[in-house]
């Protein structure tokens, strides 16, 4: 539809490869998106999904660890506190 002149779209910078589609950078306002990656705890998944999950949890996102990593650390510290109290 964009190429036919019937619409417009917002796309990542290098995703448009058709020379008939005119691109313009979006300068103002800032444009971003939130992406969530979810799985069911305890459910087995393929090696590829496991690798993706490990990589996503290894990386800091905007200077912060993944939310799951923060939650796991919180759960482990609570368990450690309970064990120490006994």
PDB file of N, CA and C in Angstrom:
ATOM      1  N   UNK A   1       0.830  -1.191   0.000  1.00  0.00           N
ATOM      2  CA  UNK A   1       0.000   0.000   0.000  1.00  0.00           C
ATOM      3  C   UNK A   1       0.875   1.255   0.000  1.00  0.00           C
ATOM      4  N   UNK A   2       1.990   1.181   0.721  1.00  0.00           N
ATOM      5  CA  UNK A   2       2.877   2.342   0.754  1.00  0.00           C
ATOM      6  C   UNK A   2       3.452   2.602  -0.635  1.00  0.00           C
ATOM      7  N   UNK A   3       3.946   1.547  -1.258  1.00  0.00           N
ATOM      8  CA  UNK A   3       4.537   1.690  -2.595  1.00  0.00           C
ATOM      9  C   UNK A   3       3.504   2.195  -3.601  1.00  0.00           C
ATOM     10  N   UNK A   4       2.246   1.809  -3.431  1.00  0.00           N
ATOM     11  CA  UNK A   4       1.186   2.229  -4.345  1.00  0.00           C
ATOM     12  C   UNK A   4       0.705   3.650  -4.052  1.00  0.00           C
ATOM     13  N   UNK A   5       1.257   4.274  -2.988  1.00  0.00           N
ATOM     14  CA  UNK A   5       0.842   5.635  -2.640  1.00  0.00           C
ATOM     15  C   UNK A   5      -0.461   5.694  -1.875  1.00  0.00           C
ATOM     16  N   UNK A   6      -0.854   4.580  -1.274  1.00  0.00           N
ATOM     17  CA  UNK A   6      -2.128   4.518  -0.560  1.00  0.00           C
ATOM     18  C   UNK A   6      -1.981   4.555   0.956  1.00  0.00           C
ATOM     19  N   UNK A   7      -0.782   4.796   1.435  1.00  0.00           N
ATOM     20  CA  UNK A   7      -0.611   4.821   2.879  1.00  0.00           C
ATOM     21  C   UNK A   7       0.811   5.173   3.266  1.00  0.00           C
ATOM     22  N   UNK A   8       1.062   5.126   4.558  1.00  0.00           N
ATOM     23  CA  UNK A   8       2.400   5.387   5.077  1.00  0.00           C
ATOM     24  C   UNK A   8       2.648   4.395   6.207  1.00  0.00           C
ATOM     25  N   UNK A   9       3.877   4.300   6.653  1.00  0.00           N
ATOM     26  CA  UNK A   9       4.201   3.378   7.735  1.00  0.00           C
ATOM     27  C   UNK A   9       5.400   3.848   8.523  1.00  0.00           C
ATOM     28  N   UNK A  10       5.505   3.329   9.727  1.00  0.00           N
ATOM     29  CA  UNK A  10       6.667   3.550  10.578  1.00  0.00           C
ATOM     30  C   UNK A  10       7.435   2.239  10.611  1.00  0.00           C
ATOM     31  N   UNK A  11       8.676   2.267  10.171  1.00  0.00           N
ATOM     32  CA  UNK A  11       9.482   1.050  10.085  1.00  0.00           C
ATOM     33  C   UNK A  11      10.881   1.318  10.603  1.00  0.00           C
ATOM     34  N   UNK A  12      11.572   0.259  11.055  1.00  0.00           N
ATOM     35  CA  UNK A  12      12.967   0.439  11.456  1.00  0.00           C
ATOM     36  C   UNK A  12      13.801   0.988  10.302  1.00  0.00           C
ATOM     37  N   UNK A  13      14.849   1.676  10.628  1.00  0.00           N
ATOM     38  CA  UNK A  13      15.651   2.439   9.674  1.00  0.00           C
ATOM     39  C   UNK A  13      16.073   1.654   8.436  1.00  0.00           C
ATOM     40  N   UNK A  14      16.552   0.448   8.600  1.00  0.00           N
ATOM     41  CA  UNK A  14      17.108  -0.278   7.461  1.00  0.00           C
ATOM     42  C   UNK A  14      16.168  -1.345   6.903  1.00  0.00           C
ATOM     43  N   UNK A  15      14.878  -1.311   7.259  1.00  0.00           N
ATOM     44  CA  UNK A  15      13.966  -2.349   6.788  1.00  0.00           C
ATOM     45  C   UNK A  15      13.394  -2.066   5.406  1.00  0.00           C
ATOM     46  N   UNK A  16      13.446  -0.847   4.931  1.00  0.00           N
ATOM     47  CA  UNK A  16      12.910  -0.510   3.620  1.00  0.00           C
ATOM     48  C   UNK A  16      14.020  -0.694   2.587  1.00  0.00           C
ATOM     49  N   UNK A  17      13.815  -1.651   1.678  1.00  0.00           N
ATOM     50  CA  UNK A  17      14.826  -1.925   0.659  1.00  0.00           C
ATOM     51  C   UNK A  17      14.303  -1.662  -0.748  1.00  0.00           C
ATOM     52  N   UNK A  18      13.069  -1.236  -0.857  1.00  0.00           N
ATOM     53  CA  UNK A  18      12.465  -0.964  -2.168  1.00  0.00           C
ATOM     54  C   UNK A  18      12.792   0.476  -2.562  1.00  0.00           C
ATOM     55  N   UNK A  19      13.520   0.685  -3.656  1.00  0.00           N
ATOM     56  CA  UNK A  19      13.884   2.048  -4.044  1.00  0.00           C
ATOM     57  C   UNK A  19      12.683   2.915  -4.428  1.00  0.00           C
ATOM     58  N   UNK A  20      11.527   2.302  -4.671  1.00  0.00           N
ATOM     59  CA  UNK A  20      10.335   3.074  -5.023  1.00  0.00           C
ATOM     60  C   UNK A  20       9.656   3.667  -3.789  1.00  0.00           C
ATOM     61  N   UNK A  21      10.062   3.235  -2.605  1.00  0.00           N
ATOM     62  CA  UNK A  21       9.486   3.745  -1.357  1.00  0.00           C
ATOM     63  C   UNK A  21      10.398   4.827  -0.808  1.00  0.00           C
ATOM     64  N   UNK A  22       9.860   5.999  -0.611  1.00  0.00           N
ATOM     65  CA  UNK A  22      10.631   7.131  -0.093  1.00  0.00           C
ATOM     66  C   UNK A  22      10.655   7.052   1.432  1.00  0.00           C
ATOM     67  N   UNK A  23      11.837   7.203   2.004  1.00  0.00           N
ATOM     68  CA  UNK A  23      11.971   7.148   3.463  1.00  0.00           C
ATOM     69  C   UNK A  23      12.378   8.506   4.007  1.00  0.00           C
ATOM     70  N   UNK A  24      11.943   8.790   5.195  1.00  0.00           N
ATOM     71  CA  UNK A  24      12.312  10.010   5.910  1.00  0.00           C
ATOM     72  C   UNK A  24      12.570   9.634   7.360  1.00  0.00           C
ATOM     73  N   UNK A  25      13.625  10.173   7.976  1.00  0.00           N
ATOM     74  CA  UNK A  25      13.870   9.865   9.393  1.00  0.00           C
ATOM     75  C   UNK A  25      12.843  10.572  10.275  1.00  0.00           C
ATOM     76  N   UNK A  26      12.475   9.927  11.357  1.00  0.00           N
ATOM     77  CA  UNK A  26      11.576  10.516  12.346  1.00  0.00           C
ATOM     78  C   UNK A  26      12.457  11.141  13.419  1.00  0.00           C
ATOM     79  N   UNK A  27      12.474  12.459  13.487  1.00  0.00           N
ATOM     80  CA  UNK A  27      13.364  13.173  14.407  1.00  0.00           C
ATOM     81  C   UNK A  27      12.640  13.528  15.707  1.00  0.00           C
ATOM     82  N   UNK A  28      11.533  14.181  15.610  1.00  0.00           N
ATOM     83  CA  UNK A  28      10.773  14.617  16.781  1.00  0.00           C
ATOM     84  C   UNK A  28       9.336  14.162  16.618  1.00  0.00           C
ATOM     85  N   UNK A  29       8.664  13.691  17.566  1.00  0.00           N
ATOM     86  CA  UNK A  29       9.128  13.314  18.901  1.00  0.00           C
ATOM     87  C   UNK A  29       9.880  11.989  18.842  1.00  0.00           C
ATOM     88  N   UNK A  30      10.564  11.682  19.964  1.00  0.00           N
ATOM     89  CA  UNK A  30      11.229  10.385  20.040  1.00  0.00           C
ATOM     90  C   UNK A  30      10.197   9.288  19.849  1.00  0.00           C
ATOM     91  N   UNK A  31      10.627   8.216  19.224  1.00  0.00           N
ATOM     92  CA  UNK A  31       9.725   7.102  18.946  1.00  0.00           C
ATOM     93  C   UNK A  31      10.382   5.837  19.459  1.00  0.00           C
ATOM     94  N   UNK A  32       9.701   5.055  20.284  1.00  0.00           N
ATOM     95  CA  UNK A  32      10.244   3.820  20.799  1.00  0.00           C
ATOM     96  C   UNK A  32       9.105   2.836  21.008  1.00  0.00           C
ATOM     97  N   UNK A  33       9.464   1.601  21.289  1.00  0.00           N
ATOM     98  CA  UNK A  33       8.459   0.584  21.559  1.00  0.00           C
ATOM     99  C   UNK A  33       8.961  -0.315  22.683  1.00  0.00           C
ATOM    100  N   UNK A  34       8.026  -0.929  23.357  1.00  0.00           N
ATOM    101  CA  UNK A  34       8.341  -1.889  24.395  1.00  0.00           C
ATOM    102  C   UNK A  34       8.031  -3.273  23.853  1.00  0.00           C
ATOM    103  N   UNK A  35       8.976  -4.169  24.004  1.00  0.00           N
ATOM    104  CA  UNK A  35       8.808  -5.546  23.540  1.00  0.00           C
ATOM    105  C   UNK A  35       8.908  -6.455  24.753  1.00  0.00           C
ATOM    106  N   UNK A  36       7.965  -7.362  24.896  1.00  0.00           N
ATOM    107  CA  UNK A  36       7.973  -8.315  26.003  1.00  0.00           C
ATOM    108  C   UNK A  36       8.237  -9.708  25.473  1.00  0.00           C
ATOM    109  N   UNK A  37       9.054 -10.456  26.178  1.00  0.00           N
ATOM    110  CA  UNK A  37       9.348 -11.835  25.840  1.00  0.00           C
ATOM    111  C   UNK A  37       8.882 -12.677  27.018  1.00  0.00           C
ATOM    112  N   UNK A  38       7.904 -13.539  26.799  1.00  0.00           N
ATOM    113  CA  UNK A  38       7.289 -14.298  27.894  1.00  0.00           C
ATOM    114  C   UNK A  38       7.311 -15.789  27.609  1.00  0.00           C
ATOM    115  N   UNK A  39       7.499 -16.564  28.652  1.00  0.00           N
ATOM    116  CA  UNK A  39       7.369 -18.020  28.568  1.00  0.00           C
ATOM    117  C   UNK A  39       6.646 -18.474  29.823  1.00  0.00           C
ATOM    118  N   UNK A  40       6.249 -19.730  29.833  1.00  0.00           N
ATOM    119  CA  UNK A  40       5.606 -20.310  31.007  1.00  0.00           C
ATOM    120  C   UNK A  40       6.683 -20.994  31.829  1.00  0.00           C
ATOM    121  N   UNK A  41       6.794 -20.611  33.088  1.00  0.00           N
ATOM    122  CA  UNK A  41       7.820 -21.172  33.966  1.00  0.00           C
ATOM    123  C   UNK A  41       7.645 -22.682  34.078  1.00  0.00           C
ATOM    124  N   UNK A  42       8.750 -23.390  33.896  1.00  0.00           N
ATOM    125  CA  UNK A  42       8.732 -24.828  34.040  1.00  0.00           C
ATOM    126  C   UNK A  42       8.374 -25.593  32.773  1.00  0.00           C
ATOM    127  N   UNK A  43       7.871 -24.912  31.769  1.00  0.00           N
ATOM    128  CA  UNK A  43       7.518 -25.596  30.522  1.00  0.00           C
ATOM    129  C   UNK A  43       8.770 -25.767  29.676  1.00  0.00           C
ATOM    130  N   UNK A  44       9.028 -26.990  29.207  1.00  0.00           N
ATOM    131  CA  UNK A  44      10.208 -27.185  28.353  1.00  0.00           C
ATOM    132  C   UNK A  44      10.027 -26.496  27.001  1.00  0.00           C
ATOM    133  N   UNK A  45      11.111 -25.962  26.480  1.00  0.00           N
ATOM    134  CA  UNK A  45      11.053 -25.369  25.151  1.00  0.00           C
ATOM    135  C   UNK A  45      12.277 -25.798  24.353  1.00  0.00           C
ATOM    136  N   UNK A  46      12.279 -25.472  23.088  1.00  0.00           N
ATOM    137  CA  UNK A  46      13.344 -25.913  22.183  1.00  0.00           C
ATOM    138  C   UNK A  46      14.680 -25.276  22.575  1.00  0.00           C
ATOM    139  N   UNK A  47      15.780 -25.865  22.129  1.00  0.00           N
ATOM    140  CA  UNK A  47      17.094 -25.265  22.391  1.00  0.00           C
ATOM    141  C   UNK A  47      17.197 -23.838  21.847  1.00  0.00           C
ATOM    142  N   UNK A  48      16.561 -23.565  20.713  1.00  0.00           N
ATOM    143  CA  UNK A  48      16.618 -22.218  20.142  1.00  0.00           C
ATOM    144  C   UNK A  48      15.913 -21.211  21.045  1.00  0.00           C
ATOM    145  N   UNK A  49      14.748 -21.580  21.571  1.00  0.00           N
ATOM    146  CA  UNK A  49      14.023 -20.679  22.481  1.00  0.00           C
ATOM    147  C   UNK A  49      14.819 -20.502  23.765  1.00  0.00           C
ATOM    148  N   UNK A  50      15.417 -21.580  24.260  1.00  0.00           N
ATOM    149  CA  UNK A  50      16.249 -21.478  25.459  1.00  0.00           C
ATOM    150  C   UNK A  50      17.416 -20.530  25.256  1.00  0.00           C
ATOM    151  N   UNK A  51      18.063 -20.612  24.094  1.00  0.00           N
ATOM    152  CA  UNK A  51      19.185 -19.720  23.794  1.00  0.00           C
ATOM    153  C   UNK A  51      18.724 -18.266  23.724  1.00  0.00           C
ATOM    154  N   UNK A  52      17.574 -18.037  23.103  1.00  0.00           N
ATOM    155  CA  UNK A  52      17.025 -16.680  23.026  1.00  0.00           C
ATOM    156  C   UNK A  52      16.720 -16.141  24.422  1.00  0.00           C
ATOM    157  N   UNK A  53      16.104 -16.952  25.260  1.00  0.00           N
ATOM    158  CA  UNK A  53      15.779 -16.513  26.619  1.00  0.00           C
ATOM    159  C   UNK A  53      17.044 -16.204  27.428  1.00  0.00           C
ATOM    160  N   UNK A  54      18.044 -17.085  27.346  1.00  0.00           N
ATOM    161  CA  UNK A  54      19.297 -16.829  28.081  1.00  0.00           C
ATOM    162  C   UNK A  54      19.952 -15.539  27.623  1.00  0.00           C
ATOM    163  N   UNK A  55      19.984 -15.311  26.317  1.00  0.00           N
ATOM    164  CA  UNK A  55      20.606 -14.090  25.788  1.00  0.00           C
ATOM    165  C   UNK A  55      19.829 -12.845  26.212  1.00  0.00           C
ATOM    166  N   UNK A  56      18.503 -12.924  26.144  1.00  0.00           N
ATOM    167  CA  UNK A  56      17.673 -11.773  26.537  1.00  0.00           C
ATOM    168  C   UNK A  56      17.855 -11.439  28.012  1.00  0.00           C
ATOM    169  N   UNK A  57      18.057 -12.451  28.842  1.00  0.00           N
ATOM    170  CA  UNK A  57      18.224 -12.205  30.275  1.00  0.00           C
ATOM    171  C   UNK A  57      19.654 -11.800  30.624  1.00  0.00           C
ATOM    172  N   UNK A  58      20.612 -12.112  29.745  1.00  0.00           N
ATOM    173  CA  UNK A  58      22.012 -11.762  29.989  1.00  0.00           C
ATOM    174  C   UNK A  58      22.283 -10.282  29.757  1.00  0.00           C
ATOM    175  N   UNK A  59      21.572  -9.680  28.840  1.00  0.00           N
ATOM    176  CA  UNK A  59      21.830  -8.313  28.389  1.00  0.00           C
ATOM    177  C   UNK A  59      21.151  -7.304  29.321  1.00  0.00           C
ATOM    178  N   UNK A  60      21.821  -6.189  29.577  1.00  0.00           N
ATOM    179  CA  UNK A  60      21.180  -5.073  30.274  1.00  0.00           C
ATOM    180  C   UNK A  60      20.362  -4.289  29.261  1.00  0.00           C
ATOM    181  N   UNK A  61      19.127  -3.958  29.619  1.00  0.00           N
ATOM    182  CA  UNK A  61      18.232  -3.210  28.744  1.00  0.00           C
ATOM    183  C   UNK A  61      18.107  -1.806  29.297  1.00  0.00           C
ATOM    184  N   UNK A  62      18.588  -0.840  28.541  1.00  0.00           N
ATOM    185  CA  UNK A  62      18.600   0.565  28.968  1.00  0.00           C
ATOM    186  C   UNK A  62      19.273   0.715  30.325  1.00  0.00           C
ATOM    187  N   UNK A  63      20.374  -0.020  30.504  1.00  0.00           N
ATOM    188  CA  UNK A  63      21.146   0.082  31.737  1.00  0.00           C
ATOM    189  C   UNK A  63      20.577  -0.701  32.897  1.00  0.00           C
ATOM    190  N   UNK A  64      19.509  -1.450  32.686  1.00  0.00           N
ATOM    191  CA  UNK A  64      18.859  -2.211  33.749  1.00  0.00           C
ATOM    192  C   UNK A  64      18.849  -3.687  33.374  1.00  0.00           C
ATOM    193  N   UNK A  65      18.974  -4.584  34.344  1.00  0.00           N
ATOM    194  CA  UNK A  65      18.854  -6.007  34.011  1.00  0.00           C
ATOM    195  C   UNK A  65      17.419  -6.325  33.604  1.00  0.00           C
ATOM    196  N   UNK A  66      17.244  -7.439  32.904  1.00  0.00           N
ATOM    197  CA  UNK A  66      15.901  -7.872  32.515  1.00  0.00           C
ATOM    198  C   UNK A  66      15.029  -8.011  33.761  1.00  0.00           C
ATOM    199  N   UNK A  67      13.742  -7.749  33.628  1.00  0.00           N
ATOM    200  CA  UNK A  67      12.827  -7.810  34.768  1.00  0.00           C
ATOM    201  C   UNK A  67      12.845  -9.184  35.433  1.00  0.00           C
ATOM    202  N   UNK A  68      12.953 -10.249  34.643  1.00  0.00           N
ATOM    203  CA  UNK A  68      12.985 -11.600  35.205  1.00  0.00           C
ATOM    204  C   UNK A  68      14.224 -11.797  36.072  1.00  0.00           C
ATOM    205  N   UNK A  69      15.348 -11.241  35.655  1.00  0.00           N
ATOM    206  CA  UNK A  69      16.587 -11.359  36.431  1.00  0.00           C
ATOM    207  C   UNK A  69      16.412 -10.656  37.775  1.00  0.00           C
ATOM    208  N   UNK A  70      15.818  -9.482  37.760  1.00  0.00           N
ATOM    209  CA  UNK A  70      15.558  -8.742  39.003  1.00  0.00           C
ATOM    210  C   UNK A  70      14.628  -9.535  39.909  1.00  0.00           C
ATOM    211  N   UNK A  71      13.586 -10.145  39.350  1.00  0.00           N
ATOM    212  CA  UNK A  71      12.641 -10.942  40.127  1.00  0.00           C
ATOM    213  C   UNK A  71      13.319 -12.165  40.731  1.00  0.00           C
ATOM    214  N   UNK A  72      14.146 -12.843  39.957  1.00  0.00           N
ATOM    215  CA  UNK A  72      14.855 -14.031  40.451  1.00  0.00           C
ATOM    216  C   UNK A  72      15.780 -13.655  41.602  1.00  0.00           C
ATOM    217  N   UNK A  73      16.509 -12.556  41.454  1.00  0.00           N
ATOM    218  CA  UNK A  73      17.406 -12.105  42.525  1.00  0.00           C
ATOM    219  C   UNK A  73      16.609 -11.785  43.783  1.00  0.00           C
ATOM    220  N   UNK A  74      15.448 -11.147  43.622  1.00  0.00           N
ATOM    221  CA  UNK A  74      14.602 -10.798  44.762  1.00  0.00           C
ATOM    222  C   UNK A  74      14.111 -12.070  45.459  1.00  0.00           C
ATOM    223  N   UNK A  75      13.684 -13.074  44.681  1.00  0.00           N
ATOM    224  CA  UNK A  75      13.206 -14.329  45.259  1.00  0.00           C
ATOM    225  C   UNK A  75      14.320 -15.053  46.002  1.00  0.00           C
ATOM    226  N   UNK A  76      15.514 -15.090  45.422  1.00  0.00           N
ATOM    227  CA  UNK A  76      16.639 -15.772  46.068  1.00  0.00           C
ATOM    228  C   UNK A  76      17.064 -15.055  47.340  1.00  0.00           C
ATOM    229  N   UNK A  77      17.039 -13.727  47.344  1.00  0.00           N
ATOM    230  CA  UNK A  77      17.433 -13.005  48.559  1.00  0.00           C
ATOM    231  C   UNK A  77      16.394 -13.214  49.661  1.00  0.00           C
ATOM    232  N   UNK A  78      15.102 -13.315  49.304  1.00  0.00           N
ATOM    233  CA  UNK A  78      14.052 -13.571  50.284  1.00  0.00           C
ATOM    234  C   UNK A  78      14.223 -14.982  50.862  1.00  0.00           C
ATOM    235  N   UNK A  79      14.523 -15.967  50.014  1.00  0.00           N
ATOM    236  CA  UNK A  79      14.761 -17.335  50.492  1.00  0.00           C
ATOM    237  C   UNK A  79      15.979 -17.382  51.400  1.00  0.00           C
ATOM    238  N   UNK A  80      17.040 -16.690  51.033  1.00  0.00           N
ATOM    239  CA  UNK A  80      18.254 -16.664  51.839  1.00  0.00           C
ATOM    240  C   UNK A  80      17.982 -16.029  53.204  1.00  0.00           C
ATOM    241  N   UNK A  81      17.184 -14.962  53.226  1.00  0.00           N
ATOM    242  CA  UNK A  81      16.826 -14.308  54.484  1.00  0.00           C
ATOM    243  C   UNK A  81      16.018 -15.254  55.375  1.00  0.00           C
ATOM    244  N   UNK A  82      15.113 -16.017  54.762  1.00  0.00           N
ATOM    245  CA  UNK A  82      14.299 -16.958  55.546  1.00  0.00           C
ATOM    246  C   UNK A  82      15.161 -18.061  56.125  1.00  0.00           C
ATOM    247  N   UNK A  83      16.122 -18.559  55.344  1.00  0.00           N
ATOM    248  CA  UNK A  83      17.019 -19.601  55.833  1.00  0.00           C
ATOM    249  C   UNK A  83      17.905 -19.081  56.958  1.00  0.00           C
ATOM    250  N   UNK A  84      18.400 -17.873  56.797  1.00  0.00           N
ATOM    251  CA  UNK A  84      19.266 -17.260  57.815  1.00  0.00           C
ATOM    252  C   UNK A  84      18.505 -17.015  59.119  1.00  0.00           C
ATOM    253  N   UNK A  85      17.210 -16.709  59.003  1.00  0.00           N
ATOM    254  CA  UNK A  85      16.404 -16.434  60.189  1.00  0.00           C
ATOM    255  C   UNK A  85      16.147 -17.700  60.989  1.00  0.00           C
ATOM    256  N   UNK A  86      16.159 -18.854  60.325  1.00  0.00           N
ATOM    257  CA  UNK A  86      15.922 -20.124  61.017  1.00  0.00           C
ATOM    258  C   UNK A  86      17.194 -20.565  61.618  1.00  0.00           C
TER     259      UNK A  86
END
